[in-house]
Amino acid sequence: MPVITVDWWQGNDRARRAELVKEVTATVSRVAGCPTSAVTVLVRDVDRGYWGMGGELADAGDARPASEEPPRGGV
């Protein structure tokens, strides 16, 4: 029974979470050869102030121009 945990930045809406869970479940089910009902997906929204990238907190770049912002969605 696979359990998958996805950490991503806060701000994604319910529809995006639902799409993520659906797609991850389908892929894991196919690769693992198990029914979709056996796959558990945990989605954790993480505040950017608790996410480090490149040696600094992800929210440290809030003053940077938008062109330098890290990609949305985290991992």
Protein backbone atom coordinates (compact mmCIF):
# COMPACT_ATOMS: atom_id res chain seq x y z
CA MET A 1 0.00 0.00 0.00
CA PRO A 2 2.02 3.01 -1.27
CA VAL A 3 1.89 6.27 0.69
CA ILE A 4 3.12 9.33 -1.20
CA THR A 5 3.78 12.69 0.48
CA VAL A 6 3.93 15.89 -1.56
CA ASP A 7 5.19 19.09 0.04
CA TRP A 8 4.44 22.29 -1.85
CA TRP A 9 4.00 25.95 -1.11
CA GLN A 10 0.78 27.25 0.33
CA GLY A 11 -1.56 28.96 -2.07
CA ASN A 12 -2.66 26.13 -4.34
CA ASP A 13 -6.43 25.80 -4.42
CA ARG A 14 -8.57 22.71 -3.87
CA ALA A 15 -8.90 22.04 -7.61
CA ARG A 16 -5.11 21.89 -8.04
CA ARG A 17 -4.77 19.59 -5.02
CA ALA A 18 -7.49 17.32 -6.42
CA GLU A 19 -5.76 17.17 -9.80
CA LEU A 20 -2.41 16.40 -8.15
CA VAL A 21 -3.91 13.59 -6.04
CA LYS A 22 -5.67 12.11 -9.06
CA GLU A 23 -2.57 12.13 -11.28
CA VAL A 24 -0.16 10.88 -8.60
CA THR A 25 -2.57 8.10 -7.65
CA ALA A 26 -2.97 6.96 -11.25
CA THR A 27 0.78 6.92 -11.88
CA VAL A 28 1.68 5.11 -8.66
CA SER A 29 -1.10 2.58 -9.22
CA ARG A 30 0.17 1.85 -12.73
CA VAL A 31 3.85 1.59 -11.78
CA ALA A 32 3.28 -0.36 -8.54
CA GLY A 33 0.66 -2.62 -10.08
CA CYS A 34 -1.85 -2.00 -7.32
CA PRO A 35 -5.43 -0.72 -7.32
CA THR A 36 -5.93 3.03 -6.97
CA SER A 37 -7.77 2.36 -3.71
CA ALA A 38 -4.48 1.15 -2.21
CA VAL A 39 -2.66 4.44 -2.90
CA THR A 40 -2.62 7.19 -0.26
CA VAL A 41 -1.47 10.70 -1.17
CA LEU A 42 -0.73 13.28 1.52
CA VAL A 43 -0.49 16.91 0.39
CA ARG A 44 1.19 19.31 2.79
CA ASP A 45 1.02 23.05 2.23
CA VAL A 46 4.19 24.71 3.51
CA ASP A 47 4.51 28.43 4.16
CA ARG A 48 7.40 29.90 2.16
CA GLY A 49 8.92 31.14 5.42
CA TYR A 50 9.51 27.49 6.38
CA TRP A 51 10.99 26.42 3.02
CA GLY A 52 14.70 26.78 2.29
CA MET A 53 16.13 27.00 -1.21
CA GLY A 54 19.69 27.82 -2.20
CA GLY A 55 20.71 28.51 1.38
CA GLU A 56 17.97 31.00 2.18
CA LEU A 57 14.29 31.00 3.03
CA ALA A 58 11.99 31.02 0.01
CA ASP A 59 10.20 34.13 1.26
CA ALA A 60 13.49 36.06 1.45
CA GLY A 61 13.16 36.78 -2.26
CA ASP A 62 9.81 38.53 -1.92
CA ALA A 63 11.57 41.83 -2.63
CA ARG A 64 13.14 40.45 -5.85
CA PRO A 65 11.65 41.28 -9.25
CA ALA A 66 9.04 38.74 -10.40
CA SER A 67 11.42 37.50 -13.12
CA GLU A 68 13.78 36.23 -10.40
CA GLU A 69 11.09 34.49 -8.31
CA PRO A 70 11.60 30.76 -7.83
CA PRO A 71 9.04 28.54 -9.57
CA ARG A 72 5.66 28.33 -7.84
CA GLY A 73 4.64 25.04 -6.28
CA GLY A 74 7.88 24.05 -4.63
CA VAL A 75 9.00 20.47 -5.11
